[in-house]
Protein backbone atom coordinates (compact mmCIF):
# COMPACT_ATOMS: atom_id res chain seq x y z
CA MET A 1 0.00 -0.01 -0.03
CA THR A 2 1.38 3.42 -0.89
CA SER A 3 1.79 6.08 1.75
CA GLN A 4 -0.87 8.22 0.02
CA SER A 5 -3.44 5.40 -0.02
CA SER A 6 -2.50 4.56 3.59
CA ALA A 7 -3.15 8.19 4.55
CA ILE A 8 -6.48 8.18 2.74
CA ALA A 9 -7.48 4.97 4.44
CA THR A 10 -6.60 6.46 7.82
CA ILE A 11 -8.64 9.59 7.15
CA ALA A 12 -11.55 7.54 5.91
CA ALA A 13 -11.43 5.39 9.02
CA MET A 14 -11.55 8.56 11.15
CA ILE A 15 -14.76 9.78 9.54
CA THR A 16 -17.12 7.46 11.46
CA PRO A 17 -15.98 8.63 14.92
CA ALA A 18 -16.18 12.22 13.63
CA LEU A 19 -19.85 11.67 12.68
CA LEU A 20 -20.48 10.20 16.12
CA ILE A 21 -18.85 13.26 17.65
CA LEU A 22 -21.27 15.49 15.73
CA ALA A 23 -24.27 13.35 16.87
CA SER A 24 -23.06 13.46 20.48
CA ALA A 25 -22.54 17.22 20.32
CA SER A 26 -26.04 17.70 18.92
CA LEU A 27 -27.51 15.71 21.78
CA VAL A 28 -25.40 17.72 24.28
CA GLY A 29 -26.93 20.90 22.86
CA SER A 30 -30.44 19.41 23.22
CA ALA A 31 -29.70 18.27 26.78
CA LEU A 32 -28.34 21.72 27.72
CA MET A 33 -31.55 23.35 26.41
CA ARG A 34 -33.69 20.96 28.44
CA MET A 35 -31.61 21.69 31.52
CA ALA A 36 -32.06 25.41 30.98
CA ARG A 37 -35.85 24.98 30.77
CA VAL A 38 -35.88 22.99 34.00
CA VAL A 39 -33.82 25.63 35.77
CA ASP A 40 -35.99 28.47 34.43
CA ARG A 41 -39.23 26.77 35.54
CA ALA A 42 -37.82 25.87 38.95
CA ARG A 43 -36.68 29.50 39.41
CA VAL A 44 -40.14 30.85 38.56
CA LEU A 45 -41.68 28.53 41.15
CA ALA A 46 -39.00 29.37 43.73
CA THR A 47 -39.43 33.09 43.18
CA SER A 48 -43.18 32.81 43.61
CA VAL A 49 -42.67 30.98 46.92
CA HIS A 50 -40.15 33.57 48.13
CA GLU A 51 -42.45 36.42 47.16
CA GLY A 52 -45.53 34.74 48.62
CA THR A 53 -47.33 34.74 45.27
CA TRP A 54 -47.48 30.96 44.83
CA GLU A 55 -51.20 30.96 45.48
CA GLY A 56 -51.50 32.53 42.02
CA PHE A 57 -50.54 29.14 40.60
CA GLY A 58 -53.57 27.72 42.43
CA ALA A 59 -51.32 25.04 43.89
CA THR A 60 -51.30 23.70 47.39
CA PRO A 61 -48.02 23.46 49.33
CA ASP A 62 -48.04 19.71 48.71
CA MET A 63 -48.42 20.26 44.97
CA LEU A 64 -45.55 22.74 44.93
CA ARG A 65 -43.38 20.28 46.86
CA ALA A 66 -44.14 17.56 44.35
CA TRP A 67 -43.38 19.92 41.45
CA PHE A 68 -40.04 21.01 43.01
CA ASP A 69 -39.15 17.33 43.60
CA ARG A 70 -40.00 16.50 39.94
CA HIS A 71 -37.89 19.44 38.70
CA ALA A 72 -35.00 18.32 40.88
CA ARG A 73 -35.17 14.79 39.40
CA ARG A 74 -35.41 16.21 35.91
CA ALA A 75 -32.36 18.35 36.51
CA ARG A 76 -30.45 15.30 37.77
CA TYR A 77 -31.38 13.29 34.65
CA ALA A 78 -30.40 16.23 32.37
CA GLU A 79 -27.15 16.72 34.21
CA GLN A 80 -26.34 13.01 33.98
CA SER A 81 -27.13 13.00 30.33
CA ILE A 82 -24.92 16.05 29.66
CA ALA A 83 -22.05 14.44 31.51
CA LEU A 84 -22.38 11.14 29.68
CA LEU A 85 -22.67 12.79 26.28
CA PHE A 86 -19.67 15.04 26.92
CA VAL A 87 -17.62 11.97 27.91
CA ALA A 88 -18.86 10.26 24.72
CA VAL A 89 -17.49 13.18 22.70
CA VAL A 90 -14.10 12.84 24.45
CA VAL A 91 -14.11 9.09 23.85
CA PHE A 92 -14.92 9.49 20.16
CA ILE A 93 -12.13 12.11 19.78
CA THR A 94 -9.79 9.59 21.46
CA THR A 95 -11.08 6.95 19.04
CA CYS A 96 -9.99 9.15 16.14
CA LEU A 97 -6.55 9.56 17.62
CA SER A 98 -6.26 5.87 18.41
CA ILE A 99 -6.94 5.04 14.71
CA VAL A 100 -3.86 7.11 13.83
CA LEU A 101 -1.89 5.46 16.61
CA ASP A 102 -2.96 2.02 15.41
CA ARG A 103 -1.89 2.84 11.83
CA ALA A 104 1.47 4.18 13.06
CA ALA A 105 1.99 1.00 15.09
CA GLY A 106 1.49 -1.13 12.03
CA GLU A 107 -2.11 -2.02 12.87
CA SER A 108 -1.06 -3.91 15.95
CA LEU A 109 -3.44 -1.92 18.17
CA ALA A 110 -6.69 -2.64 16.29
CA TRP A 111 -8.43 -3.52 19.51
CA LEU A 112 -7.94 0.02 20.86
CA PRO A 113 -10.07 2.10 18.42
CA VAL A 114 -12.70 -0.68 18.35
CA SER A 115 -12.89 -0.75 22.17
CA LEU A 116 -13.08 3.02 22.36
CA ALA A 117 -15.82 3.17 19.66
CA ILE A 118 -17.85 0.60 21.58
CA LEU A 119 -17.37 2.57 24.83
CA GLY A 120 -18.36 5.83 23.17
CA THR A 121 -21.47 4.19 21.72
CA LEU A 122 -22.45 2.82 25.11
CA LEU A 123 -22.01 6.31 26.64
CA LEU A 124 -24.14 7.75 23.85
CA LEU A 125 -26.82 5.16 24.66
CA ALA A 126 -26.68 5.91 28.37
CA GLY A 127 -26.96 9.64 27.74
CA GLY A 128 -29.98 9.07 25.49
CA VAL A 129 -31.62 6.87 28.16
CA SER A 130 -31.16 9.67 30.68
CA MET A 131 -32.79 12.13 28.29
CA VAL A 132 -35.75 9.84 27.77
CA ALA A 133 -36.23 9.64 31.54
CA GLU A 134 -36.09 13.43 31.78
CA SER A 135 -38.58 13.81 28.92
CA ARG A 136 -41.00 11.43 30.57
CA LEU A 137 -40.87 13.41 33.81
CA SER A 138 -41.40 16.59 31.81
CA GLY A 139 -44.44 15.10 30.15
CA ARG A 140 -45.90 14.08 33.46
CA GLN A 141 -45.30 17.57 34.86
CA VAL A 142 -47.08 19.21 31.96
CA GLU A 143 -50.00 16.79 32.15
CA GLU A 144 -50.40 17.45 35.86
CA GLU A 145 -50.28 21.18 35.41
CA ILE A 146 -52.85 21.00 32.59
CA ARG A 147 -55.20 18.84 34.68
CA HIS A 148 -54.82 21.22 37.60
CA ALA A 149 -55.53 24.31 35.41
CA LEU A 150 -58.61 22.64 33.85
CA THR A 151 -59.90 21.71 37.32
CA ARG A 152 -59.50 25.32 38.48
CA LEU A 153 -61.23 26.54 35.31
CA GLU A 154 -64.21 24.24 35.96
CA GLU A 155 -64.34 25.39 39.57
CA LYS A 156 -64.51 29.04 38.46
CA ARG A 157 -67.29 28.24 35.99
CA ALA A 158 -69.43 26.59 38.65
């Protein structure tokens, strides 16, 4: 194999981890946005409690406590997802570098980029699972708030 075709083969081999880096980074951006929404909503609720205006939400103290607990769990899931996805990005970057190292070592380290790619993929999966858990909690929160608002609307009509 010529040095030019070897270089092209190395670059071609590095493309797959690069695409996985882009996918991971996209998910990190999504997770960060979800975390920002959780923080914003929790701050609105906390501000209303501190200012004594929480009755405007029509929620009881027990409901507020449940909402705060749910927001705290959502924040933990989002934080966990962000951490896992960032580590996946680092692992995929390391995978790219390990491909070059393997080629430089005469392809005697083939196990290294393969192992790193598998690890990165598992981290990507774990980060996705955490985001699914956060999304489910978010959905439950919205459903509960809608039910509560509709109940209050019906009470006011009566």
